[in-house]
Amino acid sequence: MKIRFIMGRVDHPQTNGKLEKFHDIFEKKVKYFGSIDEFFTWYNCTRPHGALGLDTPLHAYISRKEKSESLMDPSIMENWVIS
């Protein structure tokens, strides 16, 4: 599955920062969605991300793929993820 586990330092504030931010957003926004799937679709496909130049995570992922791997229009993938 090509999953690589990266150990972080104990008691280091940046170690869990991304995960803590995700949980912060999740706790604040999940009440506005009908399901967890709707939340994740919004989180990955609709929500602009500050660290990505206000791009969505989906578009950032697709734009970083090599041209030979990217054989489809990103909007096709958005429709696939949402449905």
PDB file of N, CA and C in Angstrom:
ATOM      1  N   MET A   1       0.826  -1.189   0.000  1.00  0.00           N
ATOM      2  CA  MET A   1       0.000   0.000   0.000  1.00  0.00           C
ATOM      3  C   MET A   1       0.871   1.252   0.000  1.00  0.00           C
ATOM      4  N   LYS A   2       2.176   1.100   0.057  1.00  0.00           N
ATOM      5  CA  LYS A   2       3.122   2.217   0.011  1.00  0.00           C
ATOM      6  C   LYS A   2       2.892   3.214   1.143  1.00  0.00           C
ATOM      7  N   ILE A   3       2.567   2.720   2.324  1.00  0.00           N
ATOM      8  CA  ILE A   3       2.390   3.580   3.499  1.00  0.00           C
ATOM      9  C   ILE A   3       3.701   3.592   4.265  1.00  0.00           C
ATOM     10  N   ARG A   4       4.192   4.775   4.546  1.00  0.00           N
ATOM     11  CA  ARG A   4       5.442   4.909   5.279  1.00  0.00           C
ATOM     12  C   ARG A   4       5.152   5.578   6.622  1.00  0.00           C
ATOM     13  N   PHE A   5       5.490   4.907   7.696  1.00  0.00           N
ATOM     14  CA  PHE A   5       5.261   5.432   9.045  1.00  0.00           C
ATOM     15  C   PHE A   5       6.448   6.297   9.436  1.00  0.00           C
ATOM     16  N   ILE A   6       6.182   7.526   9.839  1.00  0.00           N
ATOM     17  CA  ILE A   6       7.237   8.452  10.233  1.00  0.00           C
ATOM     18  C   ILE A   6       7.066   8.753  11.713  1.00  0.00           C
ATOM     19  N   MET A   7       8.061   8.400  12.496  1.00  0.00           N
ATOM     20  CA  MET A   7       8.024   8.651  13.935  1.00  0.00           C
ATOM     21  C   MET A   7       8.300  10.128  14.206  1.00  0.00           C
ATOM     22  N   GLY A   8       7.592  10.688  15.165  1.00  0.00           N
ATOM     23  CA  GLY A   8       7.819  12.062  15.572  1.00  0.00           C
ATOM     24  C   GLY A   8       8.422  12.106  16.961  1.00  0.00           C
ATOM     25  N   ARG A   9       9.026  13.227  17.275  1.00  0.00           N
ATOM     26  CA  ARG A   9       9.618  13.376  18.599  1.00  0.00           C
ATOM     27  C   ARG A   9       8.532  13.528  19.655  1.00  0.00           C
ATOM     28  N   VAL A  10       8.803  13.034  20.846  1.00  0.00           N
ATOM     29  CA  VAL A  10       7.879  13.139  21.965  1.00  0.00           C
ATOM     30  C   VAL A  10       7.882  14.569  22.481  1.00  0.00           C
ATOM     31  N   ASP A  11       6.712  15.077  22.865  1.00  0.00           N
ATOM     32  CA  ASP A  11       6.539  16.430  23.414  1.00  0.00           C
ATOM     33  C   ASP A  11       7.039  17.520  22.475  1.00  0.00           C
ATOM     34  N   HIS A  12       6.901  17.300  21.200  1.00  0.00           N
ATOM     35  CA  HIS A  12       7.285  18.303  20.216  1.00  0.00           C
ATOM     36  C   HIS A  12       6.008  18.864  19.608  1.00  0.00           C
ATOM     37  N   PRO A  13       5.765  20.176  19.721  1.00  0.00           N
ATOM     38  CA  PRO A  13       4.470  20.722  19.311  1.00  0.00           C
ATOM     39  C   PRO A  13       4.149  20.528  17.828  1.00  0.00           C
ATOM     40  N   GLN A  14       5.145  20.462  16.967  1.00  0.00           N
ATOM     41  CA  GLN A  14       4.868  20.315  15.546  1.00  0.00           C
ATOM     42  C   GLN A  14       4.584  18.869  15.158  1.00  0.00           C
ATOM     43  N   THR A  15       4.877  17.939  16.052  1.00  0.00           N
ATOM     44  CA  THR A  15       4.685  16.529  15.744  1.00  0.00           C
ATOM     45  C   THR A  15       3.233  16.230  15.418  1.00  0.00           C
ATOM     46  N   ASN A  16       2.318  16.725  16.216  1.00  0.00           N
ATOM     47  CA  ASN A  16       0.895  16.430  16.029  1.00  0.00           C
ATOM     48  C   ASN A  16       0.104  17.619  15.504  1.00  0.00           C
ATOM     49  N   GLY A  17       0.780  18.651  15.074  1.00  0.00           N
ATOM     50  CA  GLY A  17       0.102  19.881  14.658  1.00  0.00           C
ATOM     51  C   GLY A  17      -0.913  19.694  13.559  1.00  0.00           C
ATOM     52  N   LYS A  18      -0.566  18.942  12.516  1.00  0.00           N
ATOM     53  CA  LYS A  18      -1.492  18.756  11.398  1.00  0.00           C
ATOM     54  C   LYS A  18      -2.711  17.953  11.821  1.00  0.00           C
ATOM     55  N   LEU A  19      -2.479  16.932  12.613  1.00  0.00           N
ATOM     56  CA  LEU A  19      -3.591  16.119  13.089  1.00  0.00           C
ATOM     57  C   LEU A  19      -4.499  16.922  14.024  1.00  0.00           C
ATOM     58  N   GLU A  20      -3.904  17.716  14.896  1.00  0.00           N
ATOM     59  CA  GLU A  20      -4.697  18.544  15.808  1.00  0.00           C
ATOM     60  C   GLU A  20      -5.509  19.574  15.038  1.00  0.00           C
ATOM     61  N   LYS A  21      -4.941  20.153  13.977  1.00  0.00           N
ATOM     62  CA  LYS A  21      -5.678  21.119  13.167  1.00  0.00           C
ATOM     63  C   LYS A  21      -6.847  20.445  12.457  1.00  0.00           C
ATOM     64  N   PHE A  22      -6.625  19.231  11.945  1.00  0.00           N
ATOM     65  CA  PHE A  22      -7.714  18.499  11.311  1.00  0.00           C
ATOM     66  C   PHE A  22      -8.859  18.289  12.301  1.00  0.00           C
ATOM     67  N   HIS A  23      -8.528  17.845  13.516  1.00  0.00           N
ATOM     68  CA  HIS A  23      -9.567  17.599  14.522  1.00  0.00           C
ATOM     69  C   HIS A  23     -10.271  18.897  14.908  1.00  0.00           C
ATOM     70  N   ASP A  24      -9.553  19.994  14.935  1.00  0.00           N
ATOM     71  CA  ASP A  24     -10.155  21.297  15.228  1.00  0.00           C
ATOM     72  C   ASP A  24     -11.188  21.646  14.152  1.00  0.00           C
ATOM     73  N   ILE A  25     -10.813  21.516  12.887  1.00  0.00           N
ATOM     74  CA  ILE A  25     -11.738  21.800  11.792  1.00  0.00           C
ATOM     75  C   ILE A  25     -12.915  20.830  11.828  1.00  0.00           C
ATOM     76  N   PHE A  26     -12.624  19.559  12.048  1.00  0.00           N
ATOM     77  CA  PHE A  26     -13.675  18.540  12.086  1.00  0.00           C
ATOM     78  C   PHE A  26     -14.714  18.859  13.159  1.00  0.00           C
ATOM     79  N   GLU A  27     -14.262  19.161  14.371  1.00  0.00           N
ATOM     80  CA  GLU A  27     -15.187  19.444  15.475  1.00  0.00           C
ATOM     81  C   GLU A  27     -16.037  20.678  15.203  1.00  0.00           C
ATOM     82  N   LYS A  28     -15.474  21.684  14.533  1.00  0.00           N
ATOM     83  CA  LYS A  28     -16.210  22.917  14.260  1.00  0.00           C
ATOM     84  C   LYS A  28     -17.193  22.784  13.100  1.00  0.00           C
ATOM     85  N   LYS A  29     -16.859  21.985  12.096  1.00  0.00           N
ATOM     86  CA  LYS A  29     -17.635  21.972  10.857  1.00  0.00           C
ATOM     87  C   LYS A  29     -18.530  20.759  10.645  1.00  0.00           C
ATOM     88  N   VAL A  30     -18.269  19.646  11.312  1.00  0.00           N
ATOM     89  CA  VAL A  30     -19.005  18.416  11.023  1.00  0.00           C
ATOM     90  C   VAL A  30     -20.507  18.577  11.255  1.00  0.00           C
ATOM     91  N   LYS A  31     -20.901  19.447  12.133  1.00  0.00           N
ATOM     92  CA  LYS A  31     -22.335  19.629  12.421  1.00  0.00           C
ATOM     93  C   LYS A  31     -23.101  20.215  11.234  1.00  0.00           C
ATOM     94  N   TYR A  32     -22.388  20.777  10.260  1.00  0.00           N
ATOM     95  CA  TYR A  32     -23.043  21.368   9.093  1.00  0.00           C
ATOM     96  C   TYR A  32     -23.256  20.367   7.957  1.00  0.00           C
ATOM     97  N   PHE A  33     -22.846  19.109   8.139  1.00  0.00           N
ATOM     98  CA  PHE A  33     -22.938  18.110   7.091  1.00  0.00           C
ATOM     99  C   PHE A  33     -23.846  16.971   7.528  1.00  0.00           C
ATOM    100  N   GLY A  34     -24.461  16.335   6.540  1.00  0.00           N
ATOM    101  CA  GLY A  34     -25.372  15.236   6.824  1.00  0.00           C
ATOM    102  C   GLY A  34     -24.679  13.930   7.139  1.00  0.00           C
ATOM    103  N   SER A  35     -23.411  13.815   6.722  1.00  0.00           N
ATOM    104  CA  SER A  35     -22.671  12.577   6.969  1.00  0.00           C
ATOM    105  C   SER A  35     -21.169  12.877   7.000  1.00  0.00           C
ATOM    106  N   ILE A  36     -20.416  11.918   7.469  1.00  0.00           N
ATOM    107  CA  ILE A  36     -18.958  12.043   7.489  1.00  0.00           C
ATOM    108  C   ILE A  36     -18.431  12.107   6.051  1.00  0.00           C
ATOM    109  N   ASP A  37     -19.041  11.346   5.149  1.00  0.00           N
ATOM    110  CA  ASP A  37     -18.608  11.364   3.749  1.00  0.00           C
ATOM    111  C   ASP A  37     -18.764  12.751   3.138  1.00  0.00           C
ATOM    112  N   GLU A  38     -19.858  13.432   3.440  1.00  0.00           N
ATOM    113  CA  GLU A  38     -20.050  14.795   2.945  1.00  0.00           C
ATOM    114  C   GLU A  38     -18.974  15.719   3.489  1.00  0.00           C
ATOM    115  N   PHE A  39     -18.621  15.560   4.767  1.00  0.00           N
ATOM    116  CA  PHE A  39     -17.567  16.380   5.359  1.00  0.00           C
ATOM    117  C   PHE A  39     -16.244  16.155   4.631  1.00  0.00           C
ATOM    118  N   PHE A  40     -15.873  14.888   4.394  1.00  0.00           N
ATOM    119  CA  PHE A  40     -14.594  14.605   3.749  1.00  0.00           C
ATOM    120  C   PHE A  40     -14.576  15.073   2.304  1.00  0.00           C
ATOM    121  N   THR A  41     -15.707  15.026   1.623  1.00  0.00           N
ATOM    122  CA  THR A  41     -15.775  15.559   0.266  1.00  0.00           C
ATOM    123  C   THR A  41     -15.523  17.055   0.298  1.00  0.00           C
ATOM    124  N   TRP A  42     -16.136  17.762   1.218  1.00  0.00           N
ATOM    125  CA  TRP A  42     -15.896  19.194   1.368  1.00  0.00           C
ATOM    126  C   TRP A  42     -14.442  19.462   1.742  1.00  0.00           C
ATOM    127  N   TYR A  43     -13.925  18.700   2.695  1.00  0.00           N
ATOM    128  CA  TYR A  43     -12.564  18.907   3.206  1.00  0.00           C
ATOM    129  C   TYR A  43     -11.519  18.715   2.109  1.00  0.00           C
ATOM    130  N   ASN A  44     -11.707  17.732   1.246  1.00  0.00           N
ATOM    131  CA  ASN A  44     -10.702  17.416   0.232  1.00  0.00           C
ATOM    132  C   ASN A  44     -10.963  18.029  -1.139  1.00  0.00           C
ATOM    133  N   CYS A  45     -12.205  18.338  -1.468  1.00  0.00           N
ATOM    134  CA  CYS A  45     -12.542  18.754  -2.833  1.00  0.00           C
ATOM    135  C   CYS A  45     -13.039  20.181  -2.957  1.00  0.00           C
ATOM    136  N   THR A  46     -13.516  20.778  -1.889  1.00  0.00           N
ATOM    137  CA  THR A  46     -14.129  22.101  -1.976  1.00  0.00           C
ATOM    138  C   THR A  46     -13.376  23.161  -1.168  1.00  0.00           C
ATOM    139  N   ARG A  47     -12.949  22.801   0.027  1.00  0.00           N
ATOM    140  CA  ARG A  47     -12.345  23.752   0.959  1.00  0.00           C
ATOM    141  C   ARG A  47     -10.986  24.245   0.461  1.00  0.00           C
ATOM    142  N   PRO A  48     -10.809  25.574   0.304  1.00  0.00           N
ATOM    143  CA  PRO A  48      -9.483  26.082  -0.056  1.00  0.00           C
ATOM    144  C   PRO A  48      -8.526  25.937   1.128  1.00  0.00           C
ATOM    145  N   HIS A  49      -7.291  25.586   0.832  1.00  0.00           N
ATOM    146  CA  HIS A  49      -6.294  25.331   1.871  1.00  0.00           C
ATOM    147  C   HIS A  49      -5.227  26.419   1.810  1.00  0.00           C
ATOM    148  N   GLY A  50      -4.982  27.084   2.930  1.00  0.00           N
ATOM    149  CA  GLY A  50      -4.022  28.190   2.978  1.00  0.00           C
ATOM    150  C   GLY A  50      -2.608  27.794   2.611  1.00  0.00           C
ATOM    151  N   ALA A  51      -2.171  26.631   3.029  1.00  0.00           N
ATOM    152  CA  ALA A  51      -0.810  26.186   2.740  1.00  0.00           C
ATOM    153  C   ALA A  51      -0.640  25.770   1.279  1.00  0.00           C
ATOM    154  N   LEU A  52      -1.730  25.643   0.552  1.00  0.00           N
ATOM    155  CA  LEU A  52      -1.670  25.244  -0.854  1.00  0.00           C
ATOM    156  C   LEU A  52      -1.980  26.416  -1.775  1.00  0.00           C
ATOM    157  N   GLY A  53      -1.827  27.624  -1.282  1.00  0.00           N
ATOM    158  CA  GLY A  53      -2.130  28.799  -2.095  1.00  0.00           C
ATOM    159  C   GLY A  53      -3.608  28.922  -2.386  1.00  0.00           C
ATOM    160  N   LEU A  54      -4.431  28.562  -1.424  1.00  0.00           N
ATOM    161  CA  LEU A  54      -5.897  28.580  -1.521  1.00  0.00           C
ATOM    162  C   LEU A  54      -6.425  27.644  -2.608  1.00  0.00           C
ATOM    163  N   ASP A  55      -5.665  26.619  -2.912  1.00  0.00           N
ATOM    164  CA  ASP A  55      -6.115  25.565  -3.816  1.00  0.00           C
ATOM    165  C   ASP A  55      -6.733  24.460  -2.967  1.00  0.00           C
ATOM    166  N   THR A  56      -7.524  23.601  -3.575  1.00  0.00           N
ATOM    167  CA  THR A  56      -8.091  22.471  -2.825  1.00  0.00           C
ATOM    168  C   THR A  56      -7.067  21.340  -2.776  1.00  0.00           C
ATOM    169  N   PRO A  57      -7.111  20.504  -1.755  1.00  0.00           N
ATOM    170  CA  PRO A  57      -6.186  19.374  -1.699  1.00  0.00           C
ATOM    171  C   PRO A  57      -6.266  18.473  -2.936  1.00  0.00           C
ATOM    172  N   LEU A  58      -7.455  18.263  -3.472  1.00  0.00           N
ATOM    173  CA  LEU A  58      -7.600  17.431  -4.661  1.00  0.00           C
ATOM    174  C   LEU A  58      -6.862  18.030  -5.853  1.00  0.00           C
ATOM    175  N   HIS A  59      -7.050  19.319  -6.103  1.00  0.00           N
ATOM    176  CA  HIS A  59      -6.367  19.951  -7.230  1.00  0.00           C
ATOM    177  C   HIS A  59      -4.858  19.993  -7.018  1.00  0.00           C
ATOM    178  N   ALA A  60      -4.418  20.201  -5.789  1.00  0.00           N
ATOM    179  CA  ALA A  60      -2.978  20.194  -5.511  1.00  0.00           C
ATOM    180  C   ALA A  60      -2.387  18.821  -5.791  1.00  0.00           C
ATOM    181  N   TYR A  61      -3.099  17.775  -5.399  1.00  0.00           N
ATOM    182  CA  TYR A  61      -2.633  16.407  -5.640  1.00  0.00           C
ATOM    183  C   TYR A  61      -2.530  16.122  -7.131  1.00  0.00           C
ATOM    184  N   ILE A  62      -3.575  16.464  -7.855  1.00  0.00           N
ATOM    185  CA  ILE A  62      -3.597  16.190  -9.291  1.00  0.00           C
ATOM    186  C   ILE A  62      -2.532  17.002 -10.021  1.00  0.00           C
ATOM    187  N   SER A  63      -2.351  18.262  -9.647  1.00  0.00           N
ATOM    188  CA  SER A  63      -1.376  19.104 -10.347  1.00  0.00           C
ATOM    189  C   SER A  63       0.058  18.662 -10.094  1.00  0.00           C
ATOM    190  N   ARG A  64       0.312  17.956  -8.999  1.00  0.00           N
ATOM    191  CA  ARG A  64       1.671  17.491  -8.696  1.00  0.00           C
ATOM    192  C   ARG A  64       2.005  16.154  -9.348  1.00  0.00           C
ATOM    193  N   LYS A  65       1.010  15.484  -9.851  1.00  0.00           N
ATOM    194  CA  LYS A  65       1.266  14.212 -10.534  1.00  0.00           C
ATOM    195  C   LYS A  65       2.005  14.498 -11.838  1.00  0.00           C
ATOM    196  N   GLU A  66       2.825  13.597 -12.237  1.00  0.00           N
ATOM    197  CA  GLU A  66       3.520  13.748 -13.510  1.00  0.00           C
ATOM    198  C   GLU A  66       2.514  13.731 -14.643  1.00  0.00           C
ATOM    199  N   LYS A  67       2.857  14.405 -15.729  1.00  0.00           N
ATOM    200  CA  LYS A  67       1.945  14.493 -16.873  1.00  0.00           C
ATOM    201  C   LYS A  67       1.585  13.109 -17.404  1.00  0.00           C
ATOM    202  N   SER A  68       2.517  12.180 -17.382  1.00  0.00           N
ATOM    203  CA  SER A  68       2.219  10.847 -17.904  1.00  0.00           C
ATOM    204  C   SER A  68       1.222  10.093 -17.032  1.00  0.00           C
ATOM    205  N   GLU A  69       1.174  10.433 -15.739  1.00  0.00           N
ATOM    206  CA  GLU A  69       0.228   9.777 -14.839  1.00  0.00           C
ATOM    207  C   GLU A  69      -1.131  10.454 -14.865  1.00  0.00           C
ATOM    208  N   SER A  70      -1.164  11.710 -15.200  1.00  0.00           N
ATOM    209  CA  SER A  70      -2.406  12.467 -15.178  1.00  0.00           C
ATOM    210  C   SER A  70      -3.046  12.414 -16.566  1.00  0.00           C
ATOM    211  N   LEU A  71      -3.935  11.472 -16.771  1.00  0.00           N
ATOM    212  CA  LEU A  71      -4.557  11.278 -18.070  1.00  0.00           C
ATOM    213  C   LEU A  71      -6.001  11.755 -18.112  1.00  0.00           C
ATOM    214  N   MET A  72      -6.422  12.445 -17.066  1.00  0.00           N
ATOM    215  CA  MET A  72      -7.808  12.877 -17.042  1.00  0.00           C
ATOM    216  C   MET A  72      -7.916  14.318 -16.565  1.00  0.00           C
ATOM    217  N   ASP A  73      -9.029  14.917 -16.850  1.00  0.00           N
ATOM    218  CA  ASP A  73      -9.344  16.259 -16.397  1.00  0.00           C
ATOM    219  C   ASP A  73      -9.691  16.195 -14.908  1.00  0.00           C
ATOM    220  N   PRO A  74      -9.133  17.095 -14.060  1.00  0.00           N
ATOM    221  CA  PRO A  74      -9.429  17.048 -12.621  1.00  0.00           C
ATOM    222  C   PRO A  74     -10.911  17.129 -12.295  1.00  0.00           C
ATOM    223  N   SER A  75     -11.693  17.829 -13.110  1.00  0.00           N
ATOM    224  CA  SER A  75     -13.129  17.929 -12.826  1.00  0.00           C
ATOM    225  C   SER A  75     -13.817  16.569 -12.921  1.00  0.00           C
ATOM    226  N   ILE A  76     -13.289  15.663 -13.741  1.00  0.00           N
ATOM    227  CA  ILE A  76     -13.852  14.310 -13.826  1.00  0.00           C
ATOM    228  C   ILE A  76     -13.664  13.601 -12.491  1.00  0.00           C
ATOM    229  N   MET A  77     -12.479  13.761 -11.896  1.00  0.00           N
ATOM    230  CA  MET A  77     -12.201  13.109 -10.617  1.00  0.00           C
ATOM    231  C   MET A  77     -13.063  13.699  -9.504  1.00  0.00           C
ATOM    232  N   GLU A  78     -13.294  15.018  -9.539  1.00  0.00           N
ATOM    233  CA  GLU A  78     -14.161  15.638  -8.536  1.00  0.00           C
ATOM    234  C   GLU A  78     -15.550  15.006  -8.582  1.00  0.00           C
ATOM    235  N   ASN A  79     -16.087  14.839  -9.772  1.00  0.00           N
ATOM    236  CA  ASN A  79     -17.417  14.243  -9.903  1.00  0.00           C
ATOM    237  C   ASN A  79     -17.408  12.803  -9.417  1.00  0.00           C
ATOM    238  N   TRP A  80     -16.325  12.086  -9.657  1.00  0.00           N
ATOM    239  CA  TRP A  80     -16.208  10.707  -9.202  1.00  0.00           C
ATOM    240  C   TRP A  80     -16.144  10.644  -7.689  1.00  0.00           C
ATOM    241  N   VAL A  81     -15.380  11.563  -7.049  1.00  0.00           N
ATOM    242  CA  VAL A  81     -15.227  11.563  -5.596  1.00  0.00           C
ATOM    243  C   VAL A  81     -16.539  11.945  -4.920  1.00  0.00           C
ATOM    244  N   ILE A  82     -17.252  12.904  -5.465  1.00  0.00           N
ATOM    245  CA  ILE A  82     -18.480  13.398  -4.855  1.00  0.00           C
ATOM    246  C   ILE A  82     -19.589  12.373  -4.952  1.00  0.00           C
ATOM    247  N   SER A  83     -19.699  11.655  -6.076  1.00  0.00           N
ATOM    248  CA  SER A  83     -20.815  10.729  -6.236  1.00  0.00           C
ATOM    249  C   SER A  83     -20.542   9.393  -5.586  1.00  0.00           C
TER     250      SER A  83
END
